[in-house]
Each structure stands twice: as structure tokens, then as C-alpha cells.
Amino acid sequence: MYTTGILDYFLDMGLELPYLVGVSAGAIYPASFISKQRERSLNIQRRYITDPRYMSFRNLIKTGYIFDPDFAYFRMTKELIPLDYETFRSSKTDFKIGTFNCLTGITDYHSKDDFSSVDEAVTAIMASGSLPFLSKPVVIGGTPYLDGGIVSPIPIDKSIEDGNKKHIVILTQGREYRKEPFKYKKAAKAFYRRYPHVADALINRHTVYNSTLEKLNDLEKRGDIFILRPSKSLEVKRLEKDVSKIEALYRLGYEDAKREYSRLLQWLSL
């Protein structure tokens, strides 16, 4: 929700972003930014976060996904709080969605421009947000995918690879945060014995994440990136169901973007 607050402020300011790349939740929220639907992502949380049809361990038992695919993704996008897919599809923004390839152990990126239907877009977004242990792999073109943040938690390398010279990076943790080593190595190896690359990536994820932060620090010193991160710590769980906490996180993102906006515009003009 922190990211959504920032993106909604950008919408209010009329800031156009020619390129977006996201993984995990960072692949979900940009869709509403591209479709220019202010507060859409926030309203989904407000209305449905406590609805067991949306997120529950009952879903996990019944479907293999803690977020029910039909309700939380397909019906949500097409019926309940519909995405303006025509605006999304016709946008000139180049949007890449990162997904973890369970067979190769690398991140595959799916481009908005390659989607032929809203269902294809939703499937890629769902794959990128499929949390390990809490979601089965999502199969696209015969390939099983999981959360795009497993091995590319901050996809700065993809943005550089795609030729961008300046990068706005939204982080959801404070400046001092570093990821701790993964504690459940044996469980991961047993659970993902069919997909050993998943277990390996989870075990090494803290190293990848923390080294990426160091790279971001270097790029920031060089003036190549502009980082937006929480100005204060809020206690919000990954699967938070307290709407007031979710709204507070959204407001923090909005206010942080507002505070940094003039500096951002100055940096963009350099």
C-alpha cells in the first residue's frame, strides 16, 4: 500500500512514467496507475481484505492459493472493482512484470504489450504475486511461476538492461533495513523438492536483497536513481487485515511522495 500511495500522488500531479517494472505486490499496484484509477488498489483492500473469499487459509486449502484466483484476481479485475483495461492496454507506458521461473531459477519478464487479453495480464500479475508456501505455481505457457521477488526483489537490473538512464525506485522498508537469512532451509528443500531452484533462491534471497541495496546506494550517490522509502516505521504485517493500518501505510506513501516531489522534479530535469 505504500507504493500505491506514491503512485496515486503521481497521478494527482499528472506525472507520466514511460517505464515501469515490478515484482510481487510491486507488479500488482502499477496496473491501477497505468489505467489512471486513483485509489482502486486501496479500495480493494478497504472492501475485501477481511473477506475470506479474497484472502484466507480456507482458500489455501481449497485452491492451493491464499488469494483465491477467481475472486481476488479475475472477478476483482473484471467485475468487482474493474480495471479500466482499455486505458491500461492503450497506455504508452512500457510495463514489465517479473515472475520467478521455477524450472530455471531466473526471473522471466512479461510485457504489457504482449498481452492479448485482460486474462493474460491478470495471470501474469497473479504469478508475480504468488507467495512461496502460500500459493501453488501459476502456469503460463507450460512454465510454472512464483513470486517475482524471490530472486529479483528490486528489479533495478532489468530497468538498466532495458536502457533506462534514470530510475525512480520505491522501497517499502526504511534505510537501515537488511533482510535476515532464511530460517526454514530444510522445510523449503522438502516442500519444493520438485522445484529445487525455488528452495535455493529462498535460501539465498537475503544475500541477493542486501547486495541489491548496496548497489542502489552506489547508484544513488552517482545520481542515477531517486529512492522513495518510508519516512517512518509502521507495524504492518505482510498479510495485514487491519484496514486502518493499511490506510495509514497508503497515507504515508502519499505524504512521502508529496514531500519529495519538488526534489524529484528537479532530479528529473538534470
C-alpha atoms as a PDB file:
ATOM      1  CA  MET A   1       0.000   0.000   0.000  1.00  0.00           C
ATOM      2  CA  TYR A   2       2.948   2.344   0.488  1.00  0.00           C
ATOM      3  CA  THR A   3       3.680   2.080  -3.226  1.00  0.00           C
ATOM      4  CA  THR A   4       0.028   2.775  -4.062  1.00  0.00           C
ATOM      5  CA  GLY A   5       0.102   5.991  -2.046  1.00  0.00           C
ATOM      6  CA  ILE A   6       3.127   7.188  -4.001  1.00  0.00           C
ATOM      7  CA  LEU A   7       1.647   6.256  -7.365  1.00  0.00           C
ATOM      8  CA  ASP A   8      -1.656   7.943  -6.533  1.00  0.00           C
ATOM      9  CA  TYR A   9       0.206  11.153  -5.716  1.00  0.00           C
ATOM     10  CA  PHE A  10       1.947  10.890  -9.066  1.00  0.00           C
ATOM     11  CA  LEU A  11      -1.495  10.516 -10.674  1.00  0.00           C
ATOM     12  CA  ASP A  12      -2.733  13.621  -8.875  1.00  0.00           C
ATOM     13  CA  MET A  13       0.282  15.553 -10.150  1.00  0.00           C
ATOM     14  CA  GLY A  14      -0.154  14.262 -13.693  1.00  0.00           C
ATOM     15  CA  LEU A  15       3.291  12.669 -13.705  1.00  0.00           C
ATOM     16  CA  GLU A  16       3.673  10.275 -16.625  1.00  0.00           C
ATOM     17  CA  LEU A  17       6.142   7.404 -16.288  1.00  0.00           C
ATOM     18  CA  PRO A  18       7.297   5.910 -19.603  1.00  0.00           C
ATOM     19  CA  TYR A  19       8.564   2.705 -17.995  1.00  0.00           C
ATOM     20  CA  LEU A  20       7.556   0.591 -15.015  1.00  0.00           C
ATOM     21  CA  VAL A  21       8.879  -2.754 -13.831  1.00  0.00           C
ATOM     22  CA  GLY A  22       7.535  -4.558 -10.795  1.00  0.00           C
ATOM     23  CA  VAL A  23       7.639  -7.839  -8.947  1.00  0.00           C
ATOM     24  CA  SER A  24       5.312  -9.342  -6.333  1.00  0.00           C
ATOM     25  CA  ALA A  25       2.977  -6.631  -4.949  1.00  0.00           C
ATOM     26  CA  GLY A  26       5.054  -4.166  -6.943  1.00  0.00           C
ATOM     27  CA  ALA A  27       3.640  -5.777 -10.082  1.00  0.00           C
ATOM     28  CA  ILE A  28       0.043  -5.517  -8.864  1.00  0.00           C
ATOM     29  CA  TYR A  29      -0.257  -1.841  -7.929  1.00  0.00           C
ATOM     30  CA  PRO A  30       1.147  -0.248 -11.122  1.00  0.00           C
ATOM     31  CA  ALA A  31      -1.765  -1.637 -13.145  1.00  0.00           C
ATOM     32  CA  SER A  32      -4.148   0.845 -11.498  1.00  0.00           C
ATOM     33  CA  PHE A  33      -1.631   3.650 -12.023  1.00  0.00           C
ATOM     34  CA  ILE A  34      -1.368   2.850 -15.718  1.00  0.00           C
ATOM     35  CA  SER A  35      -5.175   2.669 -16.012  1.00  0.00           C
ATOM     36  CA  LYS A  36      -5.359   6.015 -14.135  1.00  0.00           C
ATOM     37  CA  GLN A  37      -7.720   4.694 -11.445  1.00  0.00           C
ATOM     38  CA  ARG A  38      -6.902   6.602  -8.290  1.00  0.00           C
ATOM     39  CA  GLU A  39      -7.438   4.641  -5.045  1.00  0.00           C
ATOM     40  CA  ARG A  40      -8.504   1.496  -6.899  1.00  0.00           C
ATOM     41  CA  SER A  41      -5.888  -0.640  -5.134  1.00  0.00           C
ATOM     42  CA  LEU A  42      -6.736   0.966  -1.793  1.00  0.00           C
ATOM     43  CA  ASN A  43     -10.464   0.383  -2.302  1.00  0.00           C
ATOM     44  CA  ILE A  44      -9.851  -3.303  -2.996  1.00  0.00           C
ATOM     45  CA  GLN A  45      -8.188  -3.556   0.409  1.00  0.00           C
ATOM     46  CA  ARG A  46     -10.866  -1.477   2.121  1.00  0.00           C
ATOM     47  CA  ARG A  47     -13.728  -3.579   0.815  1.00  0.00           C
ATOM     48  CA  TYR A  48     -12.325  -7.073   0.649  1.00  0.00           C
ATOM     49  CA  ILE A  49      -9.260  -7.551   2.868  1.00  0.00           C
ATOM     50  CA  THR A  50     -11.359  -9.172   5.620  1.00  0.00           C
ATOM     51  CA  ASP A  51     -13.491 -11.168   3.164  1.00  0.00           C
ATOM     52  CA  PRO A  52     -12.433 -14.838   3.298  1.00  0.00           C
ATOM     53  CA  ARG A  53     -13.285 -15.178  -0.380  1.00  0.00           C
ATOM     54  CA  TYR A  54     -10.443 -12.750  -1.058  1.00  0.00           C
ATOM     55  CA  MET A  55      -7.718 -13.957   1.318  1.00  0.00           C
ATOM     56  CA  SER A  56      -7.901 -16.853   3.783  1.00  0.00           C
ATOM     57  CA  PHE A  57      -6.314 -20.123   4.736  1.00  0.00           C
ATOM     58  CA  ARG A  58      -9.592 -21.710   3.659  1.00  0.00           C
ATOM     59  CA  ASN A  59      -8.695 -20.595   0.146  1.00  0.00           C
ATOM     60  CA  LEU A  60      -5.268 -22.157   0.538  1.00  0.00           C
ATOM     61  CA  ILE A  61      -6.806 -25.499   1.494  1.00  0.00           C
ATOM     62  CA  LYS A  62      -9.455 -25.402  -1.254  1.00  0.00           C
ATOM     63  CA  THR A  63      -7.493 -23.927  -4.154  1.00  0.00           C
ATOM     64  CA  GLY A  64      -3.820 -24.021  -3.243  1.00  0.00           C
ATOM     65  CA  TYR A  65      -3.734 -20.208  -3.182  1.00  0.00           C
ATOM     66  CA  ILE A  66      -4.218 -17.983  -0.129  1.00  0.00           C
ATOM     67  CA  PHE A  67      -5.648 -15.353  -2.502  1.00  0.00           C
ATOM     68  CA  ASP A  68      -8.451 -17.068  -4.392  1.00  0.00           C
ATOM     69  CA  PRO A  69      -7.528 -16.796  -8.095  1.00  0.00           C
ATOM     70  CA  ASP A  70     -11.062 -16.378  -9.383  1.00  0.00           C
ATOM     71  CA  PHE A  71     -12.308 -13.945  -6.733  1.00  0.00           C
ATOM     72  CA  ALA A  72      -9.181 -11.942  -5.880  1.00  0.00           C
ATOM     73  CA  TYR A  73      -7.810 -11.664  -9.386  1.00  0.00           C
ATOM     74  CA  PHE A  74     -10.199 -12.400 -12.244  1.00  0.00           C
ATOM     75  CA  ARG A  75     -13.548 -11.296 -10.760  1.00  0.00           C
ATOM     76  CA  MET A  76     -11.851  -8.404  -8.976  1.00  0.00           C
ATOM     77  CA  THR A  77     -10.318  -7.155 -12.210  1.00  0.00           C
ATOM     78  CA  LYS A  78     -13.348  -7.667 -14.435  1.00  0.00           C
ATOM     79  CA  GLU A  79     -16.394  -7.271 -12.164  1.00  0.00           C
ATOM     80  CA  LEU A  80     -15.969  -6.214  -8.535  1.00  0.00           C
ATOM     81  CA  ILE A  81     -13.612  -3.227  -8.820  1.00  0.00           C
ATOM     82  CA  PRO A  82     -12.826  -3.482 -12.518  1.00  0.00           C
ATOM     83  CA  LEU A  83      -9.579  -2.392 -14.064  1.00  0.00           C
ATOM     84  CA  ASP A  84     -10.036   0.011 -16.967  1.00  0.00           C
ATOM     85  CA  TYR A  85      -8.315  -2.421 -19.271  1.00  0.00           C
ATOM     86  CA  GLU A  86      -8.728  -0.294 -22.386  1.00  0.00           C
ATOM     87  CA  THR A  87      -6.827   2.582 -20.764  1.00  0.00           C
ATOM     88  CA  PHE A  88      -4.281   0.111 -19.394  1.00  0.00           C
ATOM     89  CA  ARG A  89      -3.802  -1.579 -22.767  1.00  0.00           C
ATOM     90  CA  SER A  90      -3.554   1.619 -24.796  1.00  0.00           C
ATOM     91  CA  SER A  91      -1.158   3.359 -22.407  1.00  0.00           C
ATOM     92  CA  LYS A  92       2.261   4.182 -23.827  1.00  0.00           C
ATOM     93  CA  THR A  93       3.889   3.118 -20.552  1.00  0.00           C
ATOM     94  CA  ASP A  94       6.191   0.142 -21.021  1.00  0.00           C
ATOM     95  CA  PHE A  95       5.227  -2.149 -18.118  1.00  0.00           C
ATOM     96  CA  LYS A  96       7.197  -5.289 -17.280  1.00  0.00           C
ATOM     97  CA  ILE A  97       6.018  -7.915 -14.763  1.00  0.00           C
ATOM     98  CA  GLY A  98       8.684 -10.105 -13.187  1.00  0.00           C
ATOM     99  CA  THR A  99       7.922 -13.761 -12.392  1.00  0.00           C
ATOM    100  CA  PHE A 100      10.180 -16.448 -10.921  1.00  0.00           C
ATOM    101  CA  ASN A 101      10.661 -19.359 -13.326  1.00  0.00           C
ATOM    102  CA  CYS A 102      10.544 -22.475 -11.139  1.00  0.00           C
ATOM    103  CA  LEU A 103      12.333 -24.561 -13.788  1.00  0.00           C
ATOM    104  CA  THR A 104      15.313 -22.281 -14.427  1.00  0.00           C
ATOM    105  CA  GLY A 105      15.615 -20.266 -11.219  1.00  0.00           C
ATOM    106  CA  ILE A 106      15.688 -16.949 -13.055  1.00  0.00           C
ATOM    107  CA  THR A 107      13.226 -14.091 -13.444  1.00  0.00           C
ATOM    108  CA  ASP A 108      11.164 -14.029 -16.634  1.00  0.00           C
ATOM    109  CA  TYR A 109       9.569 -10.710 -17.521  1.00  0.00           C
ATOM    110  CA  HIS A 110       6.190 -10.371 -19.222  1.00  0.00           C
ATOM    111  CA  SER A 111       5.465  -7.186 -21.153  1.00  0.00           C
ATOM    112  CA  LYS A 112       2.126  -5.390 -21.123  1.00  0.00           C
ATOM    113  CA  ASP A 113       2.368  -5.008 -24.871  1.00  0.00           C
ATOM    114  CA  ASP A 114       2.436  -8.786 -25.328  1.00  0.00           C
ATOM    115  CA  PHE A 115      -0.920  -9.397 -23.610  1.00  0.00           C
ATOM    116  CA  SER A 116      -3.780 -10.148 -25.980  1.00  0.00           C
ATOM    117  CA  SER A 117      -6.472 -10.080 -23.276  1.00  0.00           C
ATOM    118  CA  VAL A 118      -7.179  -8.948 -19.748  1.00  0.00           C
ATOM    119  CA  ASP A 119      -6.955 -12.581 -18.623  1.00  0.00           C
ATOM    120  CA  GLU A 120      -3.357 -12.798 -19.833  1.00  0.00           C
ATOM    121  CA  ALA A 121      -2.462  -9.645 -17.915  1.00  0.00           C
ATOM    122  CA  VAL A 122      -4.172 -10.905 -14.761  1.00  0.00           C
ATOM    123  CA  THR A 123      -2.447 -14.282 -14.990  1.00  0.00           C
ATOM    124  CA  ALA A 124       0.998 -12.666 -15.191  1.00  0.00           C
ATOM    125  CA  ILE A 125       0.225 -10.356 -12.273  1.00  0.00           C
ATOM    126  CA  MET A 126      -1.116 -13.284 -10.239  1.00  0.00           C
ATOM    127  CA  ALA A 127       2.033 -15.287 -10.970  1.00  0.00           C
ATOM    128  CA  SER A 128       4.254 -12.441  -9.813  1.00  0.00           C
ATOM    129  CA  GLY A 129       2.325 -12.213  -6.541  1.00  0.00           C
ATOM    130  CA  SER A 130       2.168 -15.955  -5.813  1.00  0.00           C
ATOM    131  CA  LEU A 131       3.879 -16.182  -2.435  1.00  0.00           C
ATOM    132  CA  PRO A 132       6.057 -19.237  -1.725  1.00  0.00           C
ATOM    133  CA  PHE A 133       4.366 -21.797   0.554  1.00  0.00           C
ATOM    134  CA  LEU A 134       1.078 -19.841   0.293  1.00  0.00           C
ATOM    135  CA  SER A 135       0.457 -20.315  -3.425  1.00  0.00           C
ATOM    136  CA  LYS A 136       0.896 -23.018  -5.987  1.00  0.00           C
ATOM    137  CA  PRO A 137       2.956 -22.058  -9.015  1.00  0.00           C
ATOM    138  CA  VAL A 138       0.952 -20.302 -11.723  1.00  0.00           C
ATOM    139  CA  VAL A 139       1.461 -21.929 -15.110  1.00  0.00           C
ATOM    140  CA  ILE A 140       1.966 -19.669 -18.140  1.00  0.00           C
ATOM    141  CA  GLY A 141       2.710 -21.288 -21.472  1.00  0.00           C
ATOM    142  CA  GLY A 142       3.537 -24.554 -19.745  1.00  0.00           C
ATOM    143  CA  THR A 143       6.026 -22.939 -17.345  1.00  0.00           C
ATOM    144  CA  PRO A 144       5.362 -22.795 -13.579  1.00  0.00           C
ATOM    145  CA  TYR A 145       5.951 -19.389 -11.992  1.00  0.00           C
ATOM    146  CA  LEU A 146       6.043 -17.986  -8.461  1.00  0.00           C
ATOM    147  CA  ASP A 147       6.570 -14.606  -6.787  1.00  0.00           C
ATOM    148  CA  GLY A 148       8.805 -12.433  -8.934  1.00  0.00           C
ATOM    149  CA  GLY A 149      10.563 -11.069  -5.874  1.00  0.00           C
ATOM    150  CA  ILE A 150      12.183 -14.380  -4.949  1.00  0.00           C
ATOM    151  CA  VAL A 151      15.351 -13.791  -6.940  1.00  0.00           C
ATOM    152  CA  SER A 152      14.818 -10.219  -8.205  1.00  0.00           C
ATOM    153  CA  PRO A 153      13.435  -8.427  -5.128  1.00  0.00           C
ATOM    154  CA  ILE A 154      14.266  -4.974  -6.516  1.00  0.00           C
ATOM    155  CA  PRO A 155      14.394  -5.219 -10.321  1.00  0.00           C
ATOM    156  CA  ILE A 156      16.871  -2.397 -10.930  1.00  0.00           C
ATOM    157  CA  ASP A 157      18.980  -4.609 -13.217  1.00  0.00           C
ATOM    158  CA  LYS A 158      16.014  -5.082 -15.558  1.00  0.00           C
ATOM    159  CA  SER A 159      15.467  -1.340 -15.795  1.00  0.00           C
ATOM    160  CA  ILE A 160      19.143  -0.808 -16.611  1.00  0.00           C
ATOM    161  CA  GLU A 161      19.081  -3.681 -19.115  1.00  0.00           C
ATOM    162  CA  ASP A 162      16.105  -2.089 -20.871  1.00  0.00           C
ATOM    163  CA  GLY A 163      18.137   1.055 -21.486  1.00  0.00           C
ATOM    164  CA  ASN A 164      16.835   3.465 -18.866  1.00  0.00           C
ATOM    165  CA  LYS A 165      19.324   6.073 -17.649  1.00  0.00           C
ATOM    166  CA  LYS A 166      17.331   7.323 -14.675  1.00  0.00           C
ATOM    167  CA  HIS A 167      15.362   5.173 -12.277  1.00  0.00           C
ATOM    168  CA  ILE A 168      12.770   6.042  -9.621  1.00  0.00           C
ATOM    169  CA  VAL A 169      12.965   3.239  -7.056  1.00  0.00           C
ATOM    170  CA  ILE A 170      10.213   2.696  -4.498  1.00  0.00           C
ATOM    171  CA  LEU A 171      11.320   0.740  -1.434  1.00  0.00           C
ATOM    172  CA  THR A 172       8.905  -0.389   1.262  1.00  0.00           C
ATOM    173  CA  GLN A 173      11.466  -0.653   4.070  1.00  0.00           C
ATOM    174  CA  GLY A 174      13.477   2.015   5.877  1.00  0.00           C
ATOM    175  CA  ARG A 175      17.071   2.955   5.099  1.00  0.00           C
ATOM    176  CA  GLU A 176      18.576   0.729   7.790  1.00  0.00           C
ATOM    177  CA  TYR A 177      16.642  -2.413   6.858  1.00  0.00           C
ATOM    178  CA  ARG A 178      18.567  -5.511   5.836  1.00  0.00           C
ATOM    179  CA  LYS A 179      16.975  -8.893   5.163  1.00  0.00           C
ATOM    180  CA  GLU A 180      17.787 -11.670   7.631  1.00  0.00           C
ATOM    181  CA  PRO A 181      18.885 -15.149   6.484  1.00  0.00           C
ATOM    182  CA  PHE A 182      16.086 -17.565   5.632  1.00  0.00           C
ATOM    183  CA  LYS A 183      15.298 -19.774   8.636  1.00  0.00           C
ATOM    184  CA  TYR A 184      13.426 -22.676   7.068  1.00  0.00           C
ATOM    185  CA  LYS A 185      16.005 -24.245   4.765  1.00  0.00           C
ATOM    186  CA  LYS A 186      15.026 -27.876   5.367  1.00  0.00           C
ATOM    187  CA  ALA A 187      11.337 -27.085   5.002  1.00  0.00           C
ATOM    188  CA  ALA A 188      11.964 -25.261   1.724  1.00  0.00           C
ATOM    189  CA  LYS A 189      14.023 -28.113   0.301  1.00  0.00           C
ATOM    190  CA  ALA A 190      11.354 -30.638   1.273  1.00  0.00           C
ATOM    191  CA  PHE A 191       8.398 -28.537   0.144  1.00  0.00           C
ATOM    192  CA  TYR A 192       9.985 -27.643  -3.178  1.00  0.00           C
ATOM    193  CA  ARG A 193      11.790 -30.895  -3.894  1.00  0.00           C
ATOM    194  CA  ARG A 194      10.118 -30.847  -7.326  1.00  0.00           C
ATOM    195  CA  TYR A 195      11.488 -27.348  -7.931  1.00  0.00           C
ATOM    196  CA  PRO A 196      14.924 -27.165  -6.254  1.00  0.00           C
ATOM    197  CA  HIS A 197      15.612 -23.747  -7.783  1.00  0.00           C
ATOM    198  CA  VAL A 198      12.847 -22.312  -5.591  1.00  0.00           C
ATOM    199  CA  ALA A 199      14.439 -23.596  -2.389  1.00  0.00           C
ATOM    200  CA  ASP A 200      17.883 -22.407  -3.451  1.00  0.00           C
ATOM    201  CA  ALA A 201      16.566 -18.936  -4.265  1.00  0.00           C
ATOM    202  CA  LEU A 202      14.732 -18.652  -0.941  1.00  0.00           C
ATOM    203  CA  ILE A 203      17.842 -19.709   0.973  1.00  0.00           C
ATOM    204  CA  ASN A 204      19.999 -17.150  -0.857  1.00  0.00           C
ATOM    205  CA  ARG A 205      17.405 -14.405  -1.023  1.00  0.00           C
ATOM    206  CA  HIS A 206      18.818 -12.320   1.824  1.00  0.00           C
ATOM    207  CA  THR A 207      22.214 -12.177   0.124  1.00  0.00           C
ATOM    208  CA  VAL A 208      20.674 -11.053  -3.174  1.00  0.00           C
ATOM    209  CA  TYR A 209      18.425  -8.499  -1.481  1.00  0.00           C
ATOM    210  CA  ASN A 210      21.145  -6.954   0.647  1.00  0.00           C
ATOM    211  CA  SER A 211      23.649  -6.786  -2.206  1.00  0.00           C
ATOM    212  CA  THR A 212      20.992  -5.072  -4.325  1.00  0.00           C
ATOM    213  CA  LEU A 213      20.582  -2.455  -1.594  1.00  0.00           C
ATOM    214  CA  GLU A 214      24.315  -1.789  -1.716  1.00  0.00           C
ATOM    215  CA  LYS A 215      24.087  -1.370  -5.483  1.00  0.00           C
ATOM    216  CA  LEU A 216      21.223   1.083  -5.025  1.00  0.00           C
ATOM    217  CA  ASN A 217      23.313   3.099  -2.575  1.00  0.00           C
ATOM    218  CA  ASP A 218      26.093   3.373  -5.160  1.00  0.00           C
ATOM    219  CA  LEU A 219      23.669   4.355  -7.923  1.00  0.00           C
ATOM    220  CA  GLU A 220      22.072   6.949  -5.654  1.00  0.00           C
ATOM    221  CA  LYS A 221      25.459   8.535  -4.929  1.00  0.00           C
ATOM    222  CA  ARG A 222      26.085   8.743  -8.681  1.00  0.00           C
ATOM    223  CA  GLY A 223      22.720  10.432  -9.213  1.00  0.00           C
ATOM    224  CA  ASP A 224      21.346   7.651 -11.402  1.00  0.00           C
ATOM    225  CA  ILE A 225      18.411   6.761  -9.160  1.00  0.00           C
ATOM    226  CA  PHE A 226      15.899   8.550  -6.960  1.00  0.00           C
ATOM    227  CA  ILE A 227      14.777   6.463  -4.000  1.00  0.00           C
ATOM    228  CA  LEU A 228      11.447   6.841  -2.224  1.00  0.00           C
ATOM    229  CA  ARG A 229      11.228   4.911   1.040  1.00  0.00           C
ATOM    230  CA  PRO A 230       9.096   5.123   4.218  1.00  0.00           C
ATOM    231  CA  SER A 231       9.951   8.152   6.339  1.00  0.00           C
ATOM    232  CA  LYS A 232       8.875   6.278   9.453  1.00  0.00           C
ATOM    233  CA  SER A 233       8.219   2.717  10.524  1.00  0.00           C
ATOM    234  CA  LEU A 234       4.680   1.362  10.620  1.00  0.00           C
ATOM    235  CA  GLU A 235       3.830  -2.052  12.034  1.00  0.00           C
ATOM    236  CA  VAL A 236       2.051  -3.664   9.106  1.00  0.00           C
ATOM    237  CA  LYS A 237       2.110  -7.423   8.577  1.00  0.00           C
ATOM    238  CA  ARG A 238       2.600  -8.944   5.152  1.00  0.00           C
ATOM    239  CA  LEU A 239      -0.943 -10.338   5.202  1.00  0.00           C
ATOM    240  CA  GLU A 240      -2.409  -7.452   7.188  1.00  0.00           C
ATOM    241  CA  LYS A 241      -6.185  -7.407   7.715  1.00  0.00           C
ATOM    242  CA  ASP A 242      -6.437  -4.221   9.784  1.00  0.00           C
ATOM    243  CA  VAL A 243      -7.868  -1.673   7.359  1.00  0.00           C
ATOM    244  CA  SER A 244      -6.756   1.287   9.490  1.00  0.00           C
ATOM    245  CA  LYS A 245      -3.126   0.132   9.289  1.00  0.00           C
ATOM    246  CA  ILE A 246      -3.404  -0.367   5.538  1.00  0.00           C
ATOM    247  CA  GLU A 247      -4.847   3.131   5.124  1.00  0.00           C
ATOM    248  CA  ALA A 248      -2.074   4.585   7.297  1.00  0.00           C
ATOM    249  CA  LEU A 249       0.539   2.959   5.079  1.00  0.00           C
ATOM    250  CA  TYR A 250      -1.169   4.372   1.993  1.00  0.00           C
ATOM    251  CA  ARG A 251      -1.228   7.870   3.517  1.00  0.00           C
ATOM    252  CA  LEU A 252       2.450   7.588   4.418  1.00  0.00           C
ATOM    253  CA  GLY A 253       3.319   6.794   0.809  1.00  0.00           C
ATOM    254  CA  TYR A 254       1.194   9.684  -0.428  1.00  0.00           C
ATOM    255  CA  GLU A 255       2.705  12.182   2.019  1.00  0.00           C
ATOM    256  CA  ASP A 256       6.271  10.990   1.424  1.00  0.00           C
ATOM    257  CA  ALA A 257       5.785  11.446  -2.320  1.00  0.00           C
ATOM    258  CA  LYS A 258       4.290  14.889  -1.747  1.00  0.00           C
ATOM    259  CA  ARG A 259       7.216  15.936   0.427  1.00  0.00           C
ATOM    260  CA  GLU A 260       9.824  14.699  -2.057  1.00  0.00           C
ATOM    261  CA  TYR A 261       8.058  15.755  -5.247  1.00  0.00           C
ATOM    262  CA  SER A 262       9.820  19.052  -5.907  1.00  0.00           C
ATOM    263  CA  ARG A 263      13.188  17.389  -5.359  1.00  0.00           C
ATOM    264  CA  LEU A 264      12.122  14.577  -7.701  1.00  0.00           C
ATOM    265  CA  LEU A 265      11.171  17.034 -10.450  1.00  0.00           C
ATOM    266  CA  GLN A 266      14.497  18.801 -10.060  1.00  0.00           C
ATOM    267  CA  TRP A 267      16.343  15.475 -10.355  1.00  0.00           C
ATOM    268  CA  LEU A 268      14.339  14.511 -13.445  1.00  0.00           C
ATOM    269  CA  SER A 269      15.268  17.800 -15.126  1.00  0.00           C
ATOM    270  CA  LEU A 270      19.028  17.305 -14.701  1.00  0.00           C
END
